[in-house]
């Protein structure tokens, strides 16, 4: 089966992209085990701990990212530059991730047969 890449580049709760991306990943996991997930740019905010989406009248889908490991989706990568530019570290994130550089993200994405961006 071909590798599928999911890229999150949008901040949470301002659009439905994050929730739609999470739903797409969980649906795709029923058909493929070769899935890689990337958080770049403002997408790193998708994984921040202690979010309060109800304060902006949004649905709390962020906790759903904790389900990735239950679906055996363990190839989750976060851009080091995106974290640094936003004053964040991996321990600020809700789940365990592999923090990698831009070049590594580009290399991994080039190995994906399909890439979906949210």
PDB file of N, CA and C in Angstrom:
ATOM      1  N   UNK A   1       0.849  -1.188   0.000  1.00  0.00           N
ATOM      2  CA  UNK A   1       0.000   0.000   0.000  1.00  0.00           C
ATOM      3  C   UNK A   1       0.889   1.243   0.000  1.00  0.00           C
ATOM      4  N   UNK A   2       0.407   2.302  -0.587  1.00  0.00           N
ATOM      5  CA  UNK A   2       1.158   3.545  -0.695  1.00  0.00           C
ATOM      6  C   UNK A   2       1.066   4.367   0.577  1.00  0.00           C
ATOM      7  N   UNK A   3       2.151   5.046   0.887  1.00  0.00           N
ATOM      8  CA  UNK A   3       2.207   5.899   2.075  1.00  0.00           C
ATOM      9  C   UNK A   3       1.371   7.153   1.858  1.00  0.00           C
ATOM     10  N   UNK A   4       0.632   7.535   2.898  1.00  0.00           N
ATOM     11  CA  UNK A   4      -0.193   8.740   2.868  1.00  0.00           C
ATOM     12  C   UNK A   4       0.357   9.722   3.895  1.00  0.00           C
ATOM     13  N   UNK A   5       0.519  10.965   3.493  1.00  0.00           N
ATOM     14  CA  UNK A   5       0.973  12.012   4.403  1.00  0.00           C
ATOM     15  C   UNK A   5      -0.147  12.996   4.689  1.00  0.00           C
ATOM     16  N   UNK A   6      -0.280  13.351   5.940  1.00  0.00           N
ATOM     17  CA  UNK A   6      -1.255  14.359   6.368  1.00  0.00           C
ATOM     18  C   UNK A   6      -0.484  15.520   6.974  1.00  0.00           C
ATOM     19  N   UNK A   7      -0.717  16.716   6.454  1.00  0.00           N
ATOM     20  CA  UNK A   7       0.005  17.906   6.905  1.00  0.00           C
ATOM     21  C   UNK A   7      -0.989  18.873   7.539  1.00  0.00           C
ATOM     22  N   UNK A   8      -0.699  19.257   8.770  1.00  0.00           N
ATOM     23  CA  UNK A   8      -1.494  20.270   9.462  1.00  0.00           C
ATOM     24  C   UNK A   8      -0.675  21.552   9.465  1.00  0.00           C
ATOM     25  N   UNK A   9      -1.237  22.602   8.859  1.00  0.00           N
ATOM     26  CA  UNK A   9      -0.530  23.879   8.805  1.00  0.00           C
ATOM     27  C   UNK A   9      -1.387  25.044   9.300  1.00  0.00           C
ATOM     28  N   UNK A  10      -2.605  24.748   9.732  1.00  0.00           N
ATOM     29  CA  UNK A  10      -3.521  25.795  10.192  1.00  0.00           C
ATOM     30  C   UNK A  10      -3.697  25.723  11.705  1.00  0.00           C
ATOM     31  N   UNK A  11      -3.890  26.865  12.305  1.00  0.00           N
ATOM     32  CA  UNK A  11      -4.130  26.891  13.750  1.00  0.00           C
ATOM     33  C   UNK A  11      -5.528  26.331  14.041  1.00  0.00           C
ATOM     34  N   UNK A  12      -5.718  25.811  15.236  1.00  0.00           N
ATOM     35  CA  UNK A  12      -7.012  25.203  15.571  1.00  0.00           C
ATOM     36  C   UNK A  12      -8.099  26.250  15.814  1.00  0.00           C
ATOM     37  N   UNK A  13      -9.315  25.822  15.651  1.00  0.00           N
ATOM     38  CA  UNK A  13     -10.521  26.568  16.025  1.00  0.00           C
ATOM     39  C   UNK A  13     -10.840  27.782  15.176  1.00  0.00           C
ATOM     40  N   UNK A  14      -9.928  28.228  14.311  1.00  0.00           N
ATOM     41  CA  UNK A  14     -10.263  29.354  13.444  1.00  0.00           C
ATOM     42  C   UNK A  14     -10.989  28.866  12.196  1.00  0.00           C
ATOM     43  N   UNK A  15     -10.733  27.604  11.828  1.00  0.00           N
ATOM     44  CA  UNK A  15     -11.434  26.960  10.720  1.00  0.00           C
ATOM     45  C   UNK A  15     -11.724  25.519  11.139  1.00  0.00           C
ATOM     46  N   UNK A  16     -12.359  24.772  10.275  1.00  0.00           N
ATOM     47  CA  UNK A  16     -12.653  23.361  10.578  1.00  0.00           C
ATOM     48  C   UNK A  16     -11.560  22.427  10.060  1.00  0.00           C
ATOM     49  N   UNK A  17     -10.481  22.982   9.527  1.00  0.00           N
ATOM     50  CA  UNK A  17      -9.436  22.166   8.915  1.00  0.00           C
ATOM     51  C   UNK A  17      -8.840  21.146   9.876  1.00  0.00           C
ATOM     52  N   UNK A  18      -8.573  21.532  11.107  1.00  0.00           N
ATOM     53  CA  UNK A  18      -7.974  20.606  12.069  1.00  0.00           C
ATOM     54  C   UNK A  18      -8.870  19.420  12.355  1.00  0.00           C
ATOM     55  N   UNK A  19     -10.132  19.694  12.603  1.00  0.00           N
ATOM     56  CA  UNK A  19     -11.093  18.614  12.884  1.00  0.00           C
ATOM     57  C   UNK A  19     -11.269  17.729  11.657  1.00  0.00           C
ATOM     58  N   UNK A  20     -11.358  18.333  10.483  1.00  0.00           N
ATOM     59  CA  UNK A  20     -11.502  17.548   9.256  1.00  0.00           C
ATOM     60  C   UNK A  20     -10.266  16.690   8.999  1.00  0.00           C
ATOM     61  N   UNK A  21      -9.094  17.239   9.280  1.00  0.00           N
ATOM     62  CA  UNK A  21      -7.863  16.480   9.109  1.00  0.00           C
ATOM     63  C   UNK A  21      -7.795  15.286  10.038  1.00  0.00           C
ATOM     64  N   UNK A  22      -8.154  15.493  11.293  1.00  0.00           N
ATOM     65  CA  UNK A  22      -8.161  14.390  12.261  1.00  0.00           C
ATOM     66  C   UNK A  22      -9.144  13.318  11.821  1.00  0.00           C
ATOM     67  N   UNK A  23     -10.331  13.709  11.405  1.00  0.00           N
ATOM     68  CA  UNK A  23     -11.317  12.747  10.918  1.00  0.00           C
ATOM     69  C   UNK A  23     -10.795  11.972   9.708  1.00  0.00           C
ATOM     70  N   UNK A  24     -10.116  12.669   8.804  1.00  0.00           N
ATOM     71  CA  UNK A  24      -9.570  12.020   7.608  1.00  0.00           C
ATOM     72  C   UNK A  24      -8.498  10.996   7.978  1.00  0.00           C
ATOM     73  N   UNK A  25      -7.655  11.338   8.932  1.00  0.00           N
ATOM     74  CA  UNK A  25      -6.617  10.401   9.374  1.00  0.00           C
ATOM     75  C   UNK A  25      -7.239   9.139   9.951  1.00  0.00           C
ATOM     76  N   UNK A  26      -8.202   9.311  10.839  1.00  0.00           N
ATOM     77  CA  UNK A  26      -8.825   8.152  11.481  1.00  0.00           C
ATOM     78  C   UNK A  26      -9.548   7.282  10.459  1.00  0.00           C
ATOM     79  N   UNK A  27     -10.184   7.905   9.481  1.00  0.00           N
ATOM     80  CA  UNK A  27     -10.850   7.135   8.424  1.00  0.00           C
ATOM     81  C   UNK A  27      -9.829   6.398   7.560  1.00  0.00           C
ATOM     82  N   UNK A  28      -8.758   7.071   7.198  1.00  0.00           N
ATOM     83  CA  UNK A  28      -7.728   6.456   6.348  1.00  0.00           C
ATOM     84  C   UNK A  28      -7.026   5.304   7.058  1.00  0.00           C
ATOM     85  N   UNK A  29      -6.962   5.367   8.375  1.00  0.00           N
ATOM     86  CA  UNK A  29      -6.268   4.315   9.121  1.00  0.00           C
ATOM     87  C   UNK A  29      -6.983   2.969   9.012  1.00  0.00           C
ATOM     88  N   UNK A  30      -8.246   2.983   8.618  1.00  0.00           N
ATOM     89  CA  UNK A  30      -8.978   1.729   8.413  1.00  0.00           C
ATOM     90  C   UNK A  30      -8.510   1.023   7.145  1.00  0.00           C
ATOM     91  N   UNK A  31      -7.883   1.770   6.240  1.00  0.00           N
ATOM     92  CA  UNK A  31      -7.470   1.224   4.955  1.00  0.00           C
ATOM     93  C   UNK A  31      -5.956   1.141   4.766  1.00  0.00           C
ATOM     94  N   UNK A  32      -5.222   1.871   5.590  1.00  0.00           N
ATOM     95  CA  UNK A  32      -3.769   1.908   5.415  1.00  0.00           C
ATOM     96  C   UNK A  32      -3.087   1.992   6.770  1.00  0.00           C
ATOM     97  N   UNK A  33      -1.986   1.300   6.879  1.00  0.00           N
ATOM     98  CA  UNK A  33      -1.169   1.405   8.081  1.00  0.00           C
ATOM     99  C   UNK A  33       0.053   2.270   7.837  1.00  0.00           C
ATOM    100  N   UNK A  34       0.240   2.694   6.601  1.00  0.00           N
ATOM    101  CA  UNK A  34       1.412   3.474   6.234  1.00  0.00           C
ATOM    102  C   UNK A  34       1.036   4.956   6.140  1.00  0.00           C
ATOM    103  N   UNK A  35       0.858   5.562   7.306  1.00  0.00           N
ATOM    104  CA  UNK A  35       0.416   6.953   7.398  1.00  0.00           C
ATOM    105  C   UNK A  35       1.440   7.745   8.194  1.00  0.00           C
ATOM    106  N   UNK A  36       1.790   8.907   7.685  1.00  0.00           N
ATOM    107  CA  UNK A  36       2.661   9.825   8.398  1.00  0.00           C
ATOM    108  C   UNK A  36       1.914  11.139   8.587  1.00  0.00           C
ATOM    109  N   UNK A  37       2.100  11.742   9.762  1.00  0.00           N
ATOM    110  CA  UNK A  37       1.380  12.965  10.114  1.00  0.00           C
ATOM    111  C   UNK A  37       2.405  14.045  10.450  1.00  0.00           C
ATOM    112  N   UNK A  38       2.207  15.231   9.868  1.00  0.00           N
ATOM    113  CA  UNK A  38       3.158  16.330  10.025  1.00  0.00           C
ATOM    114  C   UNK A  38       2.431  17.575  10.534  1.00  0.00           C
ATOM    115  N   UNK A  39       3.074  18.275  11.457  1.00  0.00           N
ATOM    116  CA  UNK A  39       2.564  19.540  11.967  1.00  0.00           C
ATOM    117  C   UNK A  39       3.623  20.593  11.684  1.00  0.00           C
ATOM    118  N   UNK A  40       3.262  21.547  10.825  1.00  0.00           N
ATOM    119  CA  UNK A  40       4.193  22.593  10.417  1.00  0.00           C
ATOM    120  C   UNK A  40       3.534  23.955  10.614  1.00  0.00           C
ATOM    121  N   UNK A  41       4.315  24.998  10.632  1.00  0.00           N
ATOM    122  CA  UNK A  41       3.759  26.351  10.762  1.00  0.00           C
ATOM    123  C   UNK A  41       2.817  26.443  11.949  1.00  0.00           C
ATOM    124  N   UNK A  42       1.701  27.155  11.750  1.00  0.00           N
ATOM    125  CA  UNK A  42       0.717  27.297  12.826  1.00  0.00           C
ATOM    126  C   UNK A  42       0.024  25.984  13.169  1.00  0.00           C
ATOM    127  N   UNK A  43       0.242  24.964  12.366  1.00  0.00           N
ATOM    128  CA  UNK A  43      -0.324  23.652  12.663  1.00  0.00           C
ATOM    129  C   UNK A  43       0.169  23.074  13.978  1.00  0.00           C
ATOM    130  N   UNK A  44       1.327  23.533  14.468  1.00  0.00           N
ATOM    131  CA  UNK A  44       1.819  23.024  15.752  1.00  0.00           C
ATOM    132  C   UNK A  44       0.866  23.381  16.889  1.00  0.00           C
ATOM    133  N   UNK A  45       0.081  24.440  16.723  1.00  0.00           N
ATOM    134  CA  UNK A  45      -0.892  24.826  17.747  1.00  0.00           C
ATOM    135  C   UNK A  45      -2.005  23.785  17.900  1.00  0.00           C
ATOM    136  N   UNK A  46      -2.192  22.933  16.896  1.00  0.00           N
ATOM    137  CA  UNK A  46      -3.202  21.873  16.987  1.00  0.00           C
ATOM    138  C   UNK A  46      -2.928  20.963  18.177  1.00  0.00           C
ATOM    139  N   UNK A  47      -1.666  20.807  18.540  1.00  0.00           N
ATOM    140  CA  UNK A  47      -1.282  19.838  19.568  1.00  0.00           C
ATOM    141  C   UNK A  47      -1.015  20.431  20.942  1.00  0.00           C
ATOM    142  N   UNK A  48      -1.257  21.713  21.126  1.00  0.00           N
ATOM    143  CA  UNK A  48      -0.983  22.327  22.422  1.00  0.00           C
ATOM    144  C   UNK A  48      -1.862  21.749  23.527  1.00  0.00           C
ATOM    145  N   UNK A  49      -1.256  21.536  24.679  1.00  0.00           N
ATOM    146  CA  UNK A  49      -1.997  21.091  25.866  1.00  0.00           C
ATOM    147  C   UNK A  49      -2.871  22.232  26.380  1.00  0.00           C
ATOM    148  N   UNK A  50      -3.853  21.866  27.173  1.00  0.00           N
ATOM    149  CA  UNK A  50      -4.685  22.808  27.936  1.00  0.00           C
ATOM    150  C   UNK A  50      -5.417  23.843  27.094  1.00  0.00           C
ATOM    151  N   UNK A  51      -5.834  23.462  25.914  1.00  0.00           N
ATOM    152  CA  UNK A  51      -6.638  24.378  25.116  1.00  0.00           C
ATOM    153  C   UNK A  51      -8.044  24.447  25.700  1.00  0.00           C
ATOM    154  N   UNK A  52      -8.690  25.554  25.494  1.00  0.00           N
ATOM    155  CA  UNK A  52     -10.055  25.750  25.978  1.00  0.00           C
ATOM    156  C   UNK A  52     -10.944  26.208  24.823  1.00  0.00           C
ATOM    157  N   UNK A  53     -11.266  25.291  23.919  1.00  0.00           N
ATOM    158  CA  UNK A  53     -12.036  25.678  22.733  1.00  0.00           C
ATOM    159  C   UNK A  53     -13.445  26.178  23.050  1.00  0.00           C
ATOM    160  N   UNK A  54     -13.986  25.737  24.176  1.00  0.00           N
ATOM    161  CA  UNK A  54     -15.332  26.198  24.534  1.00  0.00           C
ATOM    162  C   UNK A  54     -15.361  27.707  24.773  1.00  0.00           C
ATOM    163  N   UNK A  55     -14.228  28.294  25.113  1.00  0.00           N
ATOM    164  CA  UNK A  55     -14.159  29.741  25.331  1.00  0.00           C
ATOM    165  C   UNK A  55     -14.403  30.517  24.037  1.00  0.00           C
ATOM    166  N   UNK A  56     -14.142  29.886  22.892  1.00  0.00           N
ATOM    167  CA  UNK A  56     -14.416  30.522  21.607  1.00  0.00           C
ATOM    168  C   UNK A  56     -15.542  29.799  20.874  1.00  0.00           C
ATOM    169  N   UNK A  57     -16.339  29.090  21.654  1.00  0.00           N
ATOM    170  CA  UNK A  57     -17.518  28.383  21.165  1.00  0.00           C
ATOM    171  C   UNK A  57     -17.186  27.360  20.077  1.00  0.00           C
ATOM    172  N   UNK A  58     -16.074  26.643  20.279  1.00  0.00           N
ATOM    173  CA  UNK A  58     -15.662  25.605  19.338  1.00  0.00           C
ATOM    174  C   UNK A  58     -15.768  24.234  19.983  1.00  0.00           C
ATOM    175  N   UNK A  59     -15.863  23.249  19.143  1.00  0.00           N
ATOM    176  CA  UNK A  59     -15.911  21.863  19.593  1.00  0.00           C
ATOM    177  C   UNK A  59     -14.496  21.420  19.988  1.00  0.00           C
ATOM    178  N   UNK A  60     -14.381  20.636  21.056  1.00  0.00           N
ATOM    179  CA  UNK A  60     -13.078  20.160  21.516  1.00  0.00           C
ATOM    180  C   UNK A  60     -12.715  18.871  20.798  1.00  0.00           C
ATOM    181  N   UNK A  61     -12.066  19.017  19.660  1.00  0.00           N
ATOM    182  CA  UNK A  61     -11.606  17.839  18.924  1.00  0.00           C
ATOM    183  C   UNK A  61     -10.143  17.536  19.230  1.00  0.00           C
ATOM    184  N   UNK A  62      -9.445  18.453  19.865  1.00  0.00           N
ATOM    185  CA  UNK A  62      -8.008  18.324  20.105  1.00  0.00           C
ATOM    186  C   UNK A  62      -7.689  17.048  20.881  1.00  0.00           C
ATOM    187  N   UNK A  63      -8.514  16.693  21.844  1.00  0.00           N
ATOM    188  CA  UNK A  63      -8.277  15.472  22.614  1.00  0.00           C
ATOM    189  C   UNK A  63      -8.269  14.245  21.706  1.00  0.00           C
ATOM    190  N   UNK A  64      -8.897  14.347  20.549  1.00  0.00           N
ATOM    191  CA  UNK A  64      -8.916  13.247  19.591  1.00  0.00           C
ATOM    192  C   UNK A  64      -7.537  12.874  19.083  1.00  0.00           C
ATOM    193  N   UNK A  65      -6.589  13.796  19.148  1.00  0.00           N
ATOM    194  CA  UNK A  65      -5.230  13.470  18.719  1.00  0.00           C
ATOM    195  C   UNK A  65      -4.601  12.418  19.627  1.00  0.00           C
ATOM    196  N   UNK A  66      -5.090  12.299  20.851  1.00  0.00           N
ATOM    197  CA  UNK A  66      -4.601  11.262  21.754  1.00  0.00           C
ATOM    198  C   UNK A  66      -4.949   9.864  21.225  1.00  0.00           C
ATOM    199  N   UNK A  67      -5.955   9.770  20.383  1.00  0.00           N
ATOM    200  CA  UNK A  67      -6.398   8.487  19.841  1.00  0.00           C
ATOM    201  C   UNK A  67      -5.457   7.940  18.774  1.00  0.00           C
ATOM    202  N   UNK A  68      -4.552   8.755  18.259  1.00  0.00           N
ATOM    203  CA  UNK A  68      -3.675   8.307  17.186  1.00  0.00           C
ATOM    204  C   UNK A  68      -2.916   7.037  17.561  1.00  0.00           C
ATOM    205  N   UNK A  69      -2.438   6.967  18.783  1.00  0.00           N
ATOM    206  CA  UNK A  69      -1.677   5.778  19.190  1.00  0.00           C
ATOM    207  C   UNK A  69      -2.568   4.540  19.271  1.00  0.00           C
ATOM    208  N   UNK A  70      -3.842   4.710  19.579  1.00  0.00           N
ATOM    209  CA  UNK A  70      -4.777   3.579  19.611  1.00  0.00           C
ATOM    210  C   UNK A  70      -5.008   2.999  18.217  1.00  0.00           C
ATOM    211  N   UNK A  71      -4.818   3.831  17.212  1.00  0.00           N
ATOM    212  CA  UNK A  71      -4.961   3.413  15.817  1.00  0.00           C
ATOM    213  C   UNK A  71      -3.612   2.997  15.224  1.00  0.00           C
ATOM    214  N   UNK A  72      -2.608   2.835  16.081  1.00  0.00           N
ATOM    215  CA  UNK A  72      -1.247   2.479  15.665  1.00  0.00           C
ATOM    216  C   UNK A  72      -0.646   3.496  14.702  1.00  0.00           C
ATOM    217  N   UNK A  73      -1.007   4.746  14.877  1.00  0.00           N
ATOM    218  CA  UNK A  73      -0.456   5.840  14.077  1.00  0.00           C
ATOM    219  C   UNK A  73       0.608   6.519  14.921  1.00  0.00           C
ATOM    220  N   UNK A  74       1.830   6.092  14.720  1.00  0.00           N
ATOM    221  CA  UNK A  74       2.910   6.557  15.584  1.00  0.00           C
ATOM    222  C   UNK A  74       3.948   7.400  14.857  1.00  0.00           C
ATOM    223  N   UNK A  75       3.776   7.597  13.565  1.00  0.00           N
ATOM    224  CA  UNK A  75       4.714   8.433  12.821  1.00  0.00           C
ATOM    225  C   UNK A  75       4.153   9.851  12.764  1.00  0.00           C
ATOM    226  N   UNK A  76       4.356  10.564  13.868  1.00  0.00           N
ATOM    227  CA  UNK A  76       3.854  11.928  14.014  1.00  0.00           C
ATOM    228  C   UNK A  76       5.063  12.843  14.156  1.00  0.00           C
ATOM    229  N   UNK A  77       5.176  13.793  13.232  1.00  0.00           N
ATOM    230  CA  UNK A  77       6.346  14.659  13.168  1.00  0.00           C
ATOM    231  C   UNK A  77       5.944  16.124  13.326  1.00  0.00           C
ATOM    232  N   UNK A  78       6.751  16.846  14.081  1.00  0.00           N
ATOM    233  CA  UNK A  78       6.523  18.274  14.289  1.00  0.00           C
ATOM    234  C   UNK A  78       7.775  19.023  13.861  1.00  0.00           C
ATOM    235  N   UNK A  79       7.569  20.116  13.187  1.00  0.00           N
ATOM    236  CA  UNK A  79       8.660  20.939  12.672  1.00  0.00           C
ATOM    237  C   UNK A  79       9.352  21.690  13.816  1.00  0.00           C
ATOM    238  N   UNK A  80      10.651  21.465  13.957  1.00  0.00           N
ATOM    239  CA  UNK A  80      11.445  22.136  14.990  1.00  0.00           C
ATOM    240  C   UNK A  80      11.409  23.647  14.823  1.00  0.00           C
ATOM    241  N   UNK A  81      11.525  24.117  13.600  1.00  0.00           N
ATOM    242  CA  UNK A  81      11.527  25.554  13.340  1.00  0.00           C
ATOM    243  C   UNK A  81      10.194  26.179  13.741  1.00  0.00           C
ATOM    244  N   UNK A  82       9.104  25.503  13.425  1.00  0.00           N
ATOM    245  CA  UNK A  82       7.774  26.021  13.786  1.00  0.00           C
ATOM    246  C   UNK A  82       7.632  26.126  15.299  1.00  0.00           C
ATOM    247  N   UNK A  83       8.105  25.122  16.015  1.00  0.00           N
ATOM    248  CA  UNK A  83       8.050  25.184  17.481  1.00  0.00           C
ATOM    249  C   UNK A  83       8.886  26.348  17.995  1.00  0.00           C
ATOM    250  N   UNK A  84      10.122  26.434  17.543  1.00  0.00           N
ATOM    251  CA  UNK A  84      11.040  27.480  18.007  1.00  0.00           C
ATOM    252  C   UNK A  84      10.508  28.874  17.710  1.00  0.00           C
ATOM    253  N   UNK A  85       9.979  29.071  16.502  1.00  0.00           N
ATOM    254  CA  UNK A  85       9.462  30.390  16.120  1.00  0.00           C
ATOM    255  C   UNK A  85       8.272  30.818  16.969  1.00  0.00           C
ATOM    256  N   UNK A  86       7.612  29.870  17.595  1.00  0.00           N
ATOM    257  CA  UNK A  86       6.442  30.167  18.422  1.00  0.00           C
ATOM    258  C   UNK A  86       6.739  30.038  19.912  1.00  0.00           C
ATOM    259  N   UNK A  87       8.011  29.859  20.247  1.00  0.00           N
ATOM    260  CA  UNK A  87       8.412  29.767  21.653  1.00  0.00           C
ATOM    261  C   UNK A  87       7.922  28.502  22.337  1.00  0.00           C
ATOM    262  N   UNK A  88       7.760  27.432  21.577  1.00  0.00           N
ATOM    263  CA  UNK A  88       7.230  26.179  22.122  1.00  0.00           C
ATOM    264  C   UNK A  88       8.298  25.098  22.144  1.00  0.00           C
ATOM    265  N   UNK A  89       8.040  24.107  22.982  1.00  0.00           N
ATOM    266  CA  UNK A  89       8.894  22.919  23.057  1.00  0.00           C
ATOM    267  C   UNK A  89       7.997  21.690  23.001  1.00  0.00           C
ATOM    268  N   UNK A  90       8.600  20.545  22.756  1.00  0.00           N
ATOM    269  CA  UNK A  90       7.831  19.304  22.632  1.00  0.00           C
ATOM    270  C   UNK A  90       7.023  19.002  23.884  1.00  0.00           C
ATOM    271  N   UNK A  91       7.488  19.408  25.062  1.00  0.00           N
ATOM    272  CA  UNK A  91       6.734  19.117  26.288  1.00  0.00           C
ATOM    273  C   UNK A  91       5.482  19.978  26.435  1.00  0.00           C
ATOM    274  N   UNK A  92       5.287  20.947  25.558  1.00  0.00           N
ATOM    275  CA  UNK A  92       4.053  21.741  25.534  1.00  0.00           C
ATOM    276  C   UNK A  92       2.948  21.035  24.754  1.00  0.00           C
ATOM    277  N   UNK A  93       3.285  19.916  24.122  1.00  0.00           N
ATOM    278  CA  UNK A  93       2.345  19.249  23.225  1.00  0.00           C
ATOM    279  C   UNK A  93       1.598  18.121  23.929  1.00  0.00           C
ATOM    280  N   UNK A  94       0.426  17.855  23.437  1.00  0.00           N
ATOM    281  CA  UNK A  94      -0.511  16.898  24.008  1.00  0.00           C
ATOM    282  C   UNK A  94      -0.050  15.451  23.867  1.00  0.00           C
ATOM    283  N   UNK A  95       0.654  15.146  22.814  1.00  0.00           N
ATOM    284  CA  UNK A  95       1.076  13.774  22.540  1.00  0.00           C
ATOM    285  C   UNK A  95       2.577  13.724  22.274  1.00  0.00           C
ATOM    286  N   UNK A  96       3.127  12.521  22.329  1.00  0.00           N
ATOM    287  CA  UNK A  96       4.533  12.331  21.998  1.00  0.00           C
ATOM    288  C   UNK A  96       4.703  12.425  20.486  1.00  0.00           C
ATOM    289  N   UNK A  97       5.686  13.174  20.076  1.00  0.00           N
ATOM    290  CA  UNK A  97       5.962  13.387  18.647  1.00  0.00           C
ATOM    291  C   UNK A  97       7.464  13.287  18.411  1.00  0.00           C
ATOM    292  N   UNK A  98       7.829  13.175  17.153  1.00  0.00           N
ATOM    293  CA  UNK A  98       9.227  13.289  16.746  1.00  0.00           C
ATOM    294  C   UNK A  98       9.410  14.697  16.203  1.00  0.00           C
ATOM    295  N   UNK A  99      10.274  15.462  16.848  1.00  0.00           N
ATOM    296  CA  UNK A  99      10.559  16.814  16.400  1.00  0.00           C
ATOM    297  C   UNK A  99      11.713  16.726  15.405  1.00  0.00           C
ATOM    298  N   UNK A 100      11.467  17.217  14.182  1.00  0.00           N
ATOM    299  CA  UNK A 100      12.473  17.112  13.121  1.00  0.00           C
ATOM    300  C   UNK A 100      12.602  18.443  12.387  1.00  0.00           C
ATOM    301  N   UNK A 101      13.678  18.569  11.652  1.00  0.00           N
ATOM    302  CA  UNK A 101      13.969  19.794  10.893  1.00  0.00           C
ATOM    303  C   UNK A 101      13.193  19.818   9.571  1.00  0.00           C
ATOM    304  N   UNK A 102      13.114  21.002   8.972  1.00  0.00           N
ATOM    305  CA  UNK A 102      12.403  21.193   7.700  1.00  0.00           C
ATOM    306  C   UNK A 102      12.865  20.229   6.616  1.00  0.00           C
ATOM    307  N   UNK A 103      14.163  20.053   6.497  1.00  0.00           N
ATOM    308  CA  UNK A 103      14.703  19.187   5.452  1.00  0.00           C
ATOM    309  C   UNK A 103      14.208  17.757   5.608  1.00  0.00           C
ATOM    310  N   UNK A 104      14.159  17.272   6.841  1.00  0.00           N
ATOM    311  CA  UNK A 104      13.670  15.914   7.082  1.00  0.00           C
ATOM    312  C   UNK A 104      12.182  15.802   6.740  1.00  0.00           C
ATOM    313  N   UNK A 105      11.430  16.841   7.046  1.00  0.00           N
ATOM    314  CA  UNK A 105      10.001  16.841   6.696  1.00  0.00           C
ATOM    315  C   UNK A 105       9.851  16.750   5.186  1.00  0.00           C
ATOM    316  N   UNK A 106      10.606  17.555   4.465  1.00  0.00           N
ATOM    317  CA  UNK A 106      10.546  17.524   2.995  1.00  0.00           C
ATOM    318  C   UNK A 106      10.909  16.156   2.442  1.00  0.00           C
ATOM    319  N   UNK A 107      11.931  15.526   3.015  1.00  0.00           N
ATOM    320  CA  UNK A 107      12.335  14.191   2.568  1.00  0.00           C
ATOM    321  C   UNK A 107      11.230  13.174   2.801  1.00  0.00           C
ATOM    322  N   UNK A 108      10.632  13.228   3.985  1.00  0.00           N
ATOM    323  CA  UNK A 108       9.566  12.271   4.312  1.00  0.00           C
ATOM    324  C   UNK A 108       8.332  12.502   3.438  1.00  0.00           C
ATOM    325  N   UNK A 109       7.985  13.761   3.210  1.00  0.00           N
ATOM    326  CA  UNK A 109       6.830  14.060   2.356  1.00  0.00           C
ATOM    327  C   UNK A 109       7.061  13.594   0.921  1.00  0.00           C
ATOM    328  N   UNK A 110       8.290  13.665   0.457  1.00  0.00           N
ATOM    329  CA  UNK A 110       8.574  13.229  -0.908  1.00  0.00           C
ATOM    330  C   UNK A 110       8.403  11.727  -1.073  1.00  0.00           C
ATOM    331  N   UNK A 111       8.386  10.994   0.011  1.00  0.00           N
ATOM    332  CA  UNK A 111       8.201   9.545  -0.038  1.00  0.00           C
ATOM    333  C   UNK A 111       6.725   9.136   0.058  1.00  0.00           C
ATOM    334  N   UNK A 112       5.843  10.113   0.225  1.00  0.00           N
ATOM    335  CA  UNK A 112       4.409   9.836   0.325  1.00  0.00           C
ATOM    336  C   UNK A 112       3.790   9.827  -1.081  1.00  0.00           C
ATOM    337  N   UNK A 113       2.965   8.826  -1.338  1.00  0.00           N
ATOM    338  CA  UNK A 113       2.269   8.752  -2.624  1.00  0.00           C
ATOM    339  C   UNK A 113       1.162   9.803  -2.709  1.00  0.00           C
ATOM    340  N   UNK A 114       0.544  10.079  -1.581  1.00  0.00           N
ATOM    341  CA  UNK A 114      -0.525  11.078  -1.491  1.00  0.00           C
ATOM    342  C   UNK A 114      -0.245  11.972  -0.284  1.00  0.00           C
ATOM    343  N   UNK A 115      -0.511  13.269  -0.429  1.00  0.00           N
ATOM    344  CA  UNK A 115      -0.353  14.210   0.678  1.00  0.00           C
ATOM    345  C   UNK A 115      -1.627  15.032   0.773  1.00  0.00           C
ATOM    346  N   UNK A 116      -2.190  15.070   1.959  1.00  0.00           N
ATOM    347  CA  UNK A 116      -3.382  15.866   2.200  1.00  0.00           C
ATOM    348  C   UNK A 116      -2.999  16.987   3.175  1.00  0.00           C
ATOM    349  N   UNK A 117      -3.412  18.210   2.862  1.00  0.00           N
ATOM    350  CA  UNK A 117      -3.018  19.367   3.667  1.00  0.00           C
ATOM    351  C   UNK A 117      -4.254  19.982   4.319  1.00  0.00           C
ATOM    352  N   UNK A 118      -4.123  20.241   5.607  1.00  0.00           N
ATOM    353  CA  UNK A 118      -5.222  20.834   6.380  1.00  0.00           C
ATOM    354  C   UNK A 118      -4.744  22.061   7.126  1.00  0.00           C
TER     355      UNK A 118
END
